[in-house]
């Protein structure tokens, strides 16, 4: 049930991320993650094209899609582009997410240890998010500060959905692609750490799942980028089912440009939830 706008929202609790994610997925019967990527120029005509409009837009999207989503993923860039009030706007949007649904901040951070500690403090202590997307390019000491927070989590970029990702991620490294090395690093250091694996490369998702059987997968690229939802769920799920978190952003956010934008977003989210569930059921029934 969404929070009334005039009631103060409590600080997000420090519950174990995986437990919180599984509980949200079970409660809603969904492995859908709704991406919050607001663009001022694309706001519905009924909203002001301003920071105020962005906040109202995100709040209503959250309210309408929360019954169908087990996670929300705000992308920090879309808020930073708003200027000096970006952090407070993002904080307000995050606080609008129901307490039992985890928030994954899409920030793709990865820097030297001292800097990483400050990023982690900012996101986990100030914004109160539950997880952050992380770049492995600087090695494990750039990731570790994010994983040291009790109850919090990271999703390491392993196999992304953008077309030129192969220029780096498919490079041979000691006889196997670099993305496989990233998966093996995560498995050896912290097996429950999440991984970002793009739905545009479903065959490789299966390879990563074999290496990292316990990791939750955040799977972008479904929808506008042409990713395969059914294969992504089948190859990315845990053996027991679930664990393949399908992200949808544009298809949900911009389902309508009219006053019914929130209702339209909820309808798309409900449809995706059912698609994911059907794919998961077929996976569970297969021998």
C-alpha atoms as a PDB file:
ATOM      1  CA  UNK A   1       0.000   0.000   0.000  1.00  0.00           C
ATOM      2  CA  UNK A   2       1.555   3.357  -0.977  1.00  0.00           C
ATOM      3  CA  UNK A   3       2.420   5.910   1.650  1.00  0.00           C
ATOM      4  CA  UNK A   4       0.171   8.980   1.883  1.00  0.00           C
ATOM      5  CA  UNK A   5       2.145  12.014   0.712  1.00  0.00           C
ATOM      6  CA  UNK A   6       1.415  13.970   3.898  1.00  0.00           C
ATOM      7  CA  UNK A   7       2.740  11.334   6.310  1.00  0.00           C
ATOM      8  CA  UNK A   8       6.459  11.254   7.210  1.00  0.00           C
ATOM      9  CA  UNK A   9       8.117   8.137   5.839  1.00  0.00           C
ATOM     10  CA  UNK A  10      10.423   6.245   8.218  1.00  0.00           C
ATOM     11  CA  UNK A  11      14.086   5.700   7.427  1.00  0.00           C
ATOM     12  CA  UNK A  12      14.582   2.512   5.434  1.00  0.00           C
ATOM     13  CA  UNK A  13      15.424  -0.423   7.703  1.00  0.00           C
ATOM     14  CA  UNK A  14      18.720  -2.280   7.583  1.00  0.00           C
ATOM     15  CA  UNK A  15      17.285  -5.692   6.723  1.00  0.00           C
ATOM     16  CA  UNK A  16      19.456  -8.251   4.935  1.00  0.00           C
ATOM     17  CA  UNK A  17      19.177  -7.407   1.247  1.00  0.00           C
ATOM     18  CA  UNK A  18      18.617 -10.914  -0.095  1.00  0.00           C
ATOM     19  CA  UNK A  19      15.997 -11.669   2.558  1.00  0.00           C
ATOM     20  CA  UNK A  20      14.230  -8.407   1.765  1.00  0.00           C
ATOM     21  CA  UNK A  21      14.349  -9.061  -1.986  1.00  0.00           C
ATOM     22  CA  UNK A  22      13.016 -12.607  -1.648  1.00  0.00           C
ATOM     23  CA  UNK A  23      10.238 -11.478   0.683  1.00  0.00           C
ATOM     24  CA  UNK A  24       9.172  -8.704  -1.708  1.00  0.00           C
ATOM     25  CA  UNK A  25       9.205 -11.135  -4.635  1.00  0.00           C
ATOM     26  CA  UNK A  26       7.159 -13.681  -2.690  1.00  0.00           C
ATOM     27  CA  UNK A  27       4.630 -11.123  -1.430  1.00  0.00           C
ATOM     28  CA  UNK A  28       3.986  -9.708  -4.907  1.00  0.00           C
ATOM     29  CA  UNK A  29       4.561 -12.859  -6.930  1.00  0.00           C
ATOM     30  CA  UNK A  30       7.019 -10.883  -9.022  1.00  0.00           C
ATOM     31  CA  UNK A  31      10.659 -10.642 -10.080  1.00  0.00           C
ATOM     32  CA  UNK A  32      10.157  -7.309 -11.844  1.00  0.00           C
ATOM     33  CA  UNK A  33      12.469  -4.381 -11.079  1.00  0.00           C
ATOM     34  CA  UNK A  34      11.131  -0.986 -12.152  1.00  0.00           C
ATOM     35  CA  UNK A  35      13.869   1.398 -13.290  1.00  0.00           C
ATOM     36  CA  UNK A  36      13.362   5.053 -12.388  1.00  0.00           C
ATOM     37  CA  UNK A  37      14.996   7.025 -15.222  1.00  0.00           C
ATOM     38  CA  UNK A  38      13.017  10.285 -15.369  1.00  0.00           C
ATOM     39  CA  UNK A  39      13.718  12.675 -18.251  1.00  0.00           C
ATOM     40  CA  UNK A  40      12.297  16.177 -17.828  1.00  0.00           C
ATOM     41  CA  UNK A  41      11.558  16.563 -21.546  1.00  0.00           C
ATOM     42  CA  UNK A  42       9.566  13.307 -21.569  1.00  0.00           C
ATOM     43  CA  UNK A  43       7.340  14.036 -18.574  1.00  0.00           C
ATOM     44  CA  UNK A  44       3.592  13.775 -19.256  1.00  0.00           C
ATOM     45  CA  UNK A  45       2.004  17.008 -20.424  1.00  0.00           C
ATOM     46  CA  UNK A  46      -0.012  17.246 -17.195  1.00  0.00           C
ATOM     47  CA  UNK A  47       3.158  17.714 -15.099  1.00  0.00           C
ATOM     48  CA  UNK A  48       5.527  20.701 -14.938  1.00  0.00           C
ATOM     49  CA  UNK A  49       8.802  20.079 -16.745  1.00  0.00           C
ATOM     50  CA  UNK A  50      10.886  20.787 -13.652  1.00  0.00           C
ATOM     51  CA  UNK A  51      12.354  19.117 -10.588  1.00  0.00           C
ATOM     52  CA  UNK A  52       8.916  19.304  -8.975  1.00  0.00           C
ATOM     53  CA  UNK A  53       7.437  17.492 -11.952  1.00  0.00           C
ATOM     54  CA  UNK A  54      10.106  14.781 -11.771  1.00  0.00           C
ATOM     55  CA  UNK A  55       9.367  14.169  -8.094  1.00  0.00           C
ATOM     56  CA  UNK A  56       5.617  13.978  -8.673  1.00  0.00           C
ATOM     57  CA  UNK A  57       6.128  11.723 -11.706  1.00  0.00           C
ATOM     58  CA  UNK A  58       8.342   9.255  -9.825  1.00  0.00           C
ATOM     59  CA  UNK A  59       6.062   9.192  -6.799  1.00  0.00           C
ATOM     60  CA  UNK A  60       3.028   8.301  -8.900  1.00  0.00           C
ATOM     61  CA  UNK A  61       4.950   5.700 -10.899  1.00  0.00           C
ATOM     62  CA  UNK A  62       6.067   4.086  -7.641  1.00  0.00           C
ATOM     63  CA  UNK A  63       2.521   4.066  -6.263  1.00  0.00           C
ATOM     64  CA  UNK A  64       1.063   2.458  -9.377  1.00  0.00           C
ATOM     65  CA  UNK A  65       3.779  -0.164  -9.924  1.00  0.00           C
ATOM     66  CA  UNK A  66       4.615  -1.146  -6.325  1.00  0.00           C
ATOM     67  CA  UNK A  67       2.002  -3.956  -6.296  1.00  0.00           C
ATOM     68  CA  UNK A  68       3.823  -5.559  -9.236  1.00  0.00           C
ATOM     69  CA  UNK A  69       7.525  -4.929  -8.443  1.00  0.00           C
ATOM     70  CA  UNK A  70       9.971  -6.535  -6.044  1.00  0.00           C
ATOM     71  CA  UNK A  71      12.566  -3.762  -6.476  1.00  0.00           C
ATOM     72  CA  UNK A  72      13.034  -0.232  -7.762  1.00  0.00           C
ATOM     73  CA  UNK A  73      16.199   0.975  -9.489  1.00  0.00           C
ATOM     74  CA  UNK A  74      16.709   4.735  -9.701  1.00  0.00           C
ATOM     75  CA  UNK A  75      19.555   5.662 -12.043  1.00  0.00           C
ATOM     76  CA  UNK A  76      21.558   8.412 -10.379  1.00  0.00           C
ATOM     77  CA  UNK A  77      22.451  10.153 -13.660  1.00  0.00           C
ATOM     78  CA  UNK A  78      18.839  11.087 -14.386  1.00  0.00           C
ATOM     79  CA  UNK A  79      18.687  12.890 -11.054  1.00  0.00           C
ATOM     80  CA  UNK A  80      22.155  14.472 -11.197  1.00  0.00           C
ATOM     81  CA  UNK A  81      21.101  16.105 -14.475  1.00  0.00           C
ATOM     82  CA  UNK A  82      18.530  18.119 -12.511  1.00  0.00           C
ATOM     83  CA  UNK A  83      21.260  20.232 -10.918  1.00  0.00           C
ATOM     84  CA  UNK A  84      21.870  21.530  -7.426  1.00  0.00           C
ATOM     85  CA  UNK A  85      18.809  19.913  -5.798  1.00  0.00           C
ATOM     86  CA  UNK A  86      19.493  16.489  -7.295  1.00  0.00           C
ATOM     87  CA  UNK A  87      20.405  14.708  -4.061  1.00  0.00           C
ATOM     88  CA  UNK A  88      17.354  15.903  -2.140  1.00  0.00           C
ATOM     89  CA  UNK A  89      15.055  15.011  -5.063  1.00  0.00           C
ATOM     90  CA  UNK A  90      16.549  11.533  -5.240  1.00  0.00           C
ATOM     91  CA  UNK A  91      16.239  11.179  -1.468  1.00  0.00           C
ATOM     92  CA  UNK A  92      12.569  12.145  -1.672  1.00  0.00           C
ATOM     93  CA  UNK A  93      11.888   9.668  -4.468  1.00  0.00           C
ATOM     94  CA  UNK A  94      13.653   6.835  -2.639  1.00  0.00           C
ATOM     95  CA  UNK A  95      11.694   7.552   0.527  1.00  0.00           C
ATOM     96  CA  UNK A  96       8.493   7.102  -1.495  1.00  0.00           C
ATOM     97  CA  UNK A  97       9.236   3.427  -2.093  1.00  0.00           C
ATOM     98  CA  UNK A  98       7.306   1.166   0.313  1.00  0.00           C
ATOM     99  CA  UNK A  99       9.541   0.034   3.166  1.00  0.00           C
ATOM    100  CA  UNK A 100       9.398  -3.649   2.259  1.00  0.00           C
ATOM    101  CA  UNK A 101      10.643  -3.153  -1.325  1.00  0.00           C
ATOM    102  CA  UNK A 102      14.422  -2.883  -1.811  1.00  0.00           C
ATOM    103  CA  UNK A 103      15.968   0.021  -3.730  1.00  0.00           C
ATOM    104  CA  UNK A 104      18.962  -0.627  -5.989  1.00  0.00           C
ATOM    105  CA  UNK A 105      20.818   2.564  -6.857  1.00  0.00           C
ATOM    106  CA  UNK A 106      22.197   2.377 -10.388  1.00  0.00           C
ATOM    107  CA  UNK A 107      25.424   4.340  -9.928  1.00  0.00           C
ATOM    108  CA  UNK A 108      28.038   1.978 -11.433  1.00  0.00           C
ATOM    109  CA  UNK A 109      30.652   3.101  -8.930  1.00  0.00           C
ATOM    110  CA  UNK A 110      34.145   1.662  -8.634  1.00  0.00           C
ATOM    111  CA  UNK A 111      37.042   3.722  -7.304  1.00  0.00           C
ATOM    112  CA  UNK A 112      40.012   3.418  -4.976  1.00  0.00           C
ATOM    113  CA  UNK A 113      39.204   2.246  -1.463  1.00  0.00           C
ATOM    114  CA  UNK A 114      39.042   5.596   0.357  1.00  0.00           C
ATOM    115  CA  UNK A 115      36.750   7.067  -2.321  1.00  0.00           C
ATOM    116  CA  UNK A 116      34.630   3.942  -2.458  1.00  0.00           C
ATOM    117  CA  UNK A 117      34.074   4.140   1.304  1.00  0.00           C
ATOM    118  CA  UNK A 118      32.647   7.644   0.911  1.00  0.00           C
ATOM    119  CA  UNK A 119      30.405   6.639  -1.982  1.00  0.00           C
ATOM    120  CA  UNK A 120      29.121   3.738   0.111  1.00  0.00           C
ATOM    121  CA  UNK A 121      28.494   5.989   3.112  1.00  0.00           C
ATOM    122  CA  UNK A 122      26.643   8.488   0.953  1.00  0.00           C
ATOM    123  CA  UNK A 123      24.357   5.921  -0.662  1.00  0.00           C
ATOM    124  CA  UNK A 124      23.735   3.590   2.256  1.00  0.00           C
ATOM    125  CA  UNK A 125      23.679   6.038   5.165  1.00  0.00           C
ATOM    126  CA  UNK A 126      22.366   9.245   3.573  1.00  0.00           C
ATOM    127  CA  UNK A 127      20.109   7.976   0.808  1.00  0.00           C
ATOM    128  CA  UNK A 128      19.254   4.733   2.583  1.00  0.00           C
ATOM    129  CA  UNK A 129      19.329   2.497  -0.495  1.00  0.00           C
ATOM    130  CA  UNK A 130      19.658  -1.263  -0.169  1.00  0.00           C
ATOM    131  CA  UNK A 131      22.124  -1.993  -2.975  1.00  0.00           C
ATOM    132  CA  UNK A 132      24.360  -0.239  -5.520  1.00  0.00           C
ATOM    133  CA  UNK A 133      25.590  -1.239  -8.985  1.00  0.00           C
ATOM    134  CA  UNK A 134      29.385  -1.467  -9.081  1.00  0.00           C
ATOM    135  CA  UNK A 135      32.156  -1.488 -11.685  1.00  0.00           C
ATOM    136  CA  UNK A 136      34.881  -4.129 -11.231  1.00  0.00           C
ATOM    137  CA  UNK A 137      37.463  -2.359 -13.396  1.00  0.00           C
ATOM    138  CA  UNK A 138      39.636  -1.260 -10.443  1.00  0.00           C
ATOM    139  CA  UNK A 139      39.516  -4.677  -8.799  1.00  0.00           C
ATOM    140  CA  UNK A 140      38.040  -6.028  -5.597  1.00  0.00           C
ATOM    141  CA  UNK A 141      39.250  -3.279  -3.255  1.00  0.00           C
ATOM    142  CA  UNK A 142      36.976  -0.849  -5.130  1.00  0.00           C
ATOM    143  CA  UNK A 143      33.987  -3.138  -4.511  1.00  0.00           C
ATOM    144  CA  UNK A 144      34.624  -4.359  -0.987  1.00  0.00           C
ATOM    145  CA  UNK A 145      33.662  -1.124   0.857  1.00  0.00           C
ATOM    146  CA  UNK A 146      30.106  -1.460  -0.456  1.00  0.00           C
ATOM    147  CA  UNK A 147      29.818  -5.058   0.712  1.00  0.00           C
ATOM    148  CA  UNK A 148      31.002  -4.249   4.240  1.00  0.00           C
ATOM    149  CA  UNK A 149      27.726  -2.636   5.254  1.00  0.00           C
ATOM    150  CA  UNK A 150      25.508  -5.058   7.209  1.00  0.00           C
ATOM    151  CA  UNK A 151      22.376  -5.893   5.275  1.00  0.00           C
ATOM    152  CA  UNK A 152      23.445  -4.015   2.141  1.00  0.00           C
ATOM    153  CA  UNK A 153      24.519  -5.396  -1.224  1.00  0.00           C
ATOM    154  CA  UNK A 154      26.197  -4.689  -4.537  1.00  0.00           C
ATOM    155  CA  UNK A 155      25.513  -5.708  -8.137  1.00  0.00           C
ATOM    156  CA  UNK A 156      28.782  -6.016 -10.044  1.00  0.00           C
ATOM    157  CA  UNK A 157      28.767  -5.207 -13.769  1.00  0.00           C
ATOM    158  CA  UNK A 158      29.586  -8.483 -15.460  1.00  0.00           C
ATOM    159  CA  UNK A 159      27.901  -8.694 -18.863  1.00  0.00           C
ATOM    160  CA  UNK A 160      26.109  -5.492 -19.809  1.00  0.00           C
ATOM    161  CA  UNK A 161      23.431  -5.038 -22.474  1.00  0.00           C
ATOM    162  CA  UNK A 162      24.926  -2.174 -24.517  1.00  0.00           C
ATOM    163  CA  UNK A 163      26.181  -3.079 -28.023  1.00  0.00           C
ATOM    164  CA  UNK A 164      29.853  -2.138 -27.539  1.00  0.00           C
ATOM    165  CA  UNK A 165      30.208  -4.007 -24.231  1.00  0.00           C
ATOM    166  CA  UNK A 166      31.843  -6.874 -26.107  1.00  0.00           C
ATOM    167  CA  UNK A 167      34.846  -4.661 -26.908  1.00  0.00           C
ATOM    168  CA  UNK A 168      35.944  -5.105 -23.285  1.00  0.00           C
ATOM    169  CA  UNK A 169      33.832  -7.817 -21.677  1.00  0.00           C
ATOM    170  CA  UNK A 170      34.458 -10.465 -24.350  1.00  0.00           C
ATOM    171  CA  UNK A 171      38.234  -9.926 -24.483  1.00  0.00           C
ATOM    172  CA  UNK A 172      40.142 -13.192 -23.990  1.00  0.00           C
ATOM    173  CA  UNK A 173      41.865 -13.363 -20.620  1.00  0.00           C
ATOM    174  CA  UNK A 174      43.893 -16.460 -19.785  1.00  0.00           C
ATOM    175  CA  UNK A 175      41.823 -18.556 -22.146  1.00  0.00           C
ATOM    176  CA  UNK A 176      38.330 -17.288 -21.304  1.00  0.00           C
ATOM    177  CA  UNK A 177      36.334 -14.067 -21.793  1.00  0.00           C
ATOM    178  CA  UNK A 178      36.871 -11.260 -19.311  1.00  0.00           C
ATOM    179  CA  UNK A 179      33.232 -11.346 -18.147  1.00  0.00           C
ATOM    180  CA  UNK A 180      33.822 -14.947 -17.014  1.00  0.00           C
ATOM    181  CA  UNK A 181      36.828 -13.761 -14.984  1.00  0.00           C
ATOM    182  CA  UNK A 182      34.598 -11.142 -13.327  1.00  0.00           C
ATOM    183  CA  UNK A 183      32.028 -13.804 -12.460  1.00  0.00           C
ATOM    184  CA  UNK A 184      34.729 -16.059 -11.017  1.00  0.00           C
ATOM    185  CA  UNK A 185      36.130 -13.165  -8.955  1.00  0.00           C
ATOM    186  CA  UNK A 186      32.730 -12.473  -7.414  1.00  0.00           C
ATOM    187  CA  UNK A 187      32.148 -16.160  -6.722  1.00  0.00           C
ATOM    188  CA  UNK A 188      35.530 -16.514  -5.004  1.00  0.00           C
ATOM    189  CA  UNK A 189      35.262 -13.354  -2.909  1.00  0.00           C
ATOM    190  CA  UNK A 190      31.565 -13.091  -1.985  1.00  0.00           C
ATOM    191  CA  UNK A 191      29.231 -15.666  -3.585  1.00  0.00           C
ATOM    192  CA  UNK A 192      25.990 -13.891  -2.660  1.00  0.00           C
ATOM    193  CA  UNK A 193      26.993 -10.619  -4.353  1.00  0.00           C
ATOM    194  CA  UNK A 194      24.690  -9.629  -7.197  1.00  0.00           C
ATOM    195  CA  UNK A 195      25.705  -9.429 -10.836  1.00  0.00           C
ATOM    196  CA  UNK A 196      24.450  -7.292 -13.708  1.00  0.00           C
ATOM    197  CA  UNK A 197      23.955  -9.491 -16.783  1.00  0.00           C
ATOM    198  CA  UNK A 198      22.228  -8.089 -19.851  1.00  0.00           C
ATOM    199  CA  UNK A 199      19.165  -9.719 -21.383  1.00  0.00           C
ATOM    200  CA  UNK A 200      20.569  -9.052 -24.856  1.00  0.00           C
ATOM    201  CA  UNK A 201      23.076 -11.888 -24.282  1.00  0.00           C
ATOM    202  CA  UNK A 202      20.971 -14.694 -22.768  1.00  0.00           C
ATOM    203  CA  UNK A 203      23.328 -17.532 -23.725  1.00  0.00           C
ATOM    204  CA  UNK A 204      26.105 -15.934 -21.690  1.00  0.00           C
ATOM    205  CA  UNK A 205      23.682 -15.471 -18.767  1.00  0.00           C
ATOM    206  CA  UNK A 206      23.573 -19.247 -18.499  1.00  0.00           C
ATOM    207  CA  UNK A 207      27.371 -19.417 -18.360  1.00  0.00           C
ATOM    208  CA  UNK A 208      27.481 -16.846 -15.558  1.00  0.00           C
ATOM    209  CA  UNK A 209      24.751 -18.697 -13.647  1.00  0.00           C
ATOM    210  CA  UNK A 210      26.810 -21.882 -13.729  1.00  0.00           C
ATOM    211  CA  UNK A 211      29.716 -20.002 -12.154  1.00  0.00           C
ATOM    212  CA  UNK A 212      27.631 -18.023  -9.632  1.00  0.00           C
ATOM    213  CA  UNK A 213      24.749 -20.249  -8.481  1.00  0.00           C
ATOM    214  CA  UNK A 214      23.869 -18.100  -5.429  1.00  0.00           C
ATOM    215  CA  UNK A 215      24.054 -14.577  -6.862  1.00  0.00           C
ATOM    216  CA  UNK A 216      20.936 -12.569  -7.653  1.00  0.00           C
ATOM    217  CA  UNK A 217      21.062 -11.320 -11.244  1.00  0.00           C
ATOM    218  CA  UNK A 218      19.934  -7.859 -12.272  1.00  0.00           C
ATOM    219  CA  UNK A 219      18.972  -8.196 -15.937  1.00  0.00           C
ATOM    220  CA  UNK A 220      18.559  -4.993 -17.979  1.00  0.00           C
ATOM    221  CA  UNK A 221      18.048  -4.786 -21.729  1.00  0.00           C
ATOM    222  CA  UNK A 222      14.566  -6.309 -21.887  1.00  0.00           C
ATOM    223  CA  UNK A 223      12.118  -4.345 -24.018  1.00  0.00           C
ATOM    224  CA  UNK A 224      13.553  -1.314 -25.837  1.00  0.00           C
ATOM    225  CA  UNK A 225      16.993  -2.942 -26.194  1.00  0.00           C
ATOM    226  CA  UNK A 226      15.569  -6.178 -27.544  1.00  0.00           C
ATOM    227  CA  UNK A 227      16.548  -8.575 -24.767  1.00  0.00           C
ATOM    228  CA  UNK A 228      14.900 -11.997 -24.523  1.00  0.00           C
ATOM    229  CA  UNK A 229      12.750 -12.138 -21.372  1.00  0.00           C
ATOM    230  CA  UNK A 230      11.923 -15.846 -21.476  1.00  0.00           C
ATOM    231  CA  UNK A 231      15.502 -16.986 -22.047  1.00  0.00           C
ATOM    232  CA  UNK A 232      16.824 -14.528 -19.477  1.00  0.00           C
ATOM    233  CA  UNK A 233      14.487 -15.932 -16.822  1.00  0.00           C
ATOM    234  CA  UNK A 234      15.152 -19.556 -17.778  1.00  0.00           C
ATOM    235  CA  UNK A 235      18.934 -19.243 -17.909  1.00  0.00           C
ATOM    236  CA  UNK A 236      19.342 -16.657 -15.155  1.00  0.00           C
ATOM    237  CA  UNK A 237      17.153 -18.122 -12.400  1.00  0.00           C
ATOM    238  CA  UNK A 238      18.346 -20.017  -9.376  1.00  0.00           C
ATOM    239  CA  UNK A 239      17.815 -23.780  -9.535  1.00  0.00           C
ATOM    240  CA  UNK A 240      14.994 -23.322  -7.025  1.00  0.00           C
ATOM    241  CA  UNK A 241      13.418 -20.564  -9.151  1.00  0.00           C
ATOM    242  CA  UNK A 242      13.619 -16.795  -8.856  1.00  0.00           C
ATOM    243  CA  UNK A 243      16.799 -14.767  -8.581  1.00  0.00           C
ATOM    244  CA  UNK A 244      16.555 -13.318 -12.112  1.00  0.00           C
ATOM    245  CA  UNK A 245      15.522  -9.716 -11.517  1.00  0.00           C
ATOM    246  CA  UNK A 246      14.141  -8.381 -14.806  1.00  0.00           C
ATOM    247  CA  UNK A 247      14.547  -4.615 -15.094  1.00  0.00           C
ATOM    248  CA  UNK A 248      12.155  -2.471 -17.119  1.00  0.00           C
ATOM    249  CA  UNK A 249      12.422   1.311 -17.342  1.00  0.00           C
ATOM    250  CA  UNK A 250      11.232   3.100 -20.478  1.00  0.00           C
ATOM    251  CA  UNK A 251       8.438   0.657 -21.280  1.00  0.00           C
ATOM    252  CA  UNK A 252       6.914   1.288 -17.862  1.00  0.00           C
ATOM    253  CA  UNK A 253       7.705   4.969 -17.282  1.00  0.00           C
ATOM    254  CA  UNK A 254       6.515   6.246 -20.645  1.00  0.00           C
ATOM    255  CA  UNK A 255       3.570   3.937 -21.263  1.00  0.00           C
ATOM    256  CA  UNK A 256       1.397   7.048 -21.670  1.00  0.00           C
ATOM    257  CA  UNK A 257       1.965  10.780 -22.061  1.00  0.00           C
ATOM    258  CA  UNK A 258      -1.491  11.631 -20.768  1.00  0.00           C
ATOM    259  CA  UNK A 259      -3.054  12.112 -17.371  1.00  0.00           C
ATOM    260  CA  UNK A 260      -3.387   8.338 -17.128  1.00  0.00           C
ATOM    261  CA  UNK A 261       0.413   7.882 -17.189  1.00  0.00           C
ATOM    262  CA  UNK A 262       0.533   6.258 -13.748  1.00  0.00           C
ATOM    263  CA  UNK A 263      -2.322   3.862 -14.473  1.00  0.00           C
ATOM    264  CA  UNK A 264      -0.727   2.964 -17.818  1.00  0.00           C
ATOM    265  CA  UNK A 265       2.602   2.291 -16.084  1.00  0.00           C
ATOM    266  CA  UNK A 266       0.861   0.047 -13.585  1.00  0.00           C
ATOM    267  CA  UNK A 267      -0.772  -1.866 -16.410  1.00  0.00           C
ATOM    268  CA  UNK A 268       2.529  -2.455 -18.198  1.00  0.00           C
ATOM    269  CA  UNK A 269       4.193  -3.501 -14.924  1.00  0.00           C
ATOM    270  CA  UNK A 270       1.364  -5.961 -14.234  1.00  0.00           C
ATOM    271  CA  UNK A 271       1.774  -7.440 -17.723  1.00  0.00           C
ATOM    272  CA  UNK A 272       5.540  -7.831 -17.316  1.00  0.00           C
ATOM    273  CA  UNK A 273       5.059  -9.420 -13.919  1.00  0.00           C
ATOM    274  CA  UNK A 274       2.836 -12.052 -15.533  1.00  0.00           C
ATOM    275  CA  UNK A 275       5.297 -12.641 -18.386  1.00  0.00           C
ATOM    276  CA  UNK A 276       8.119 -13.209 -15.909  1.00  0.00           C
ATOM    277  CA  UNK A 277       5.941 -15.538 -13.847  1.00  0.00           C
ATOM    278  CA  UNK A 278       4.988 -17.586 -16.923  1.00  0.00           C
ATOM    279  CA  UNK A 279       8.626 -17.870 -17.973  1.00  0.00           C
ATOM    280  CA  UNK A 280       9.554 -18.927 -14.455  1.00  0.00           C
ATOM    281  CA  UNK A 281       6.765 -21.519 -14.316  1.00  0.00           C
ATOM    282  CA  UNK A 282       7.872 -23.028 -17.620  1.00  0.00           C
ATOM    283  CA  UNK A 283      11.447 -23.152 -16.318  1.00  0.00           C
ATOM    284  CA  UNK A 284      10.318 -24.935 -13.148  1.00  0.00           C
ATOM    285  CA  UNK A 285       8.268 -27.487 -15.134  1.00  0.00           C
ATOM    286  CA  UNK A 286      11.062 -28.306 -17.569  1.00  0.00           C
ATOM    287  CA  UNK A 287      13.042 -31.518 -16.819  1.00  0.00           C
END
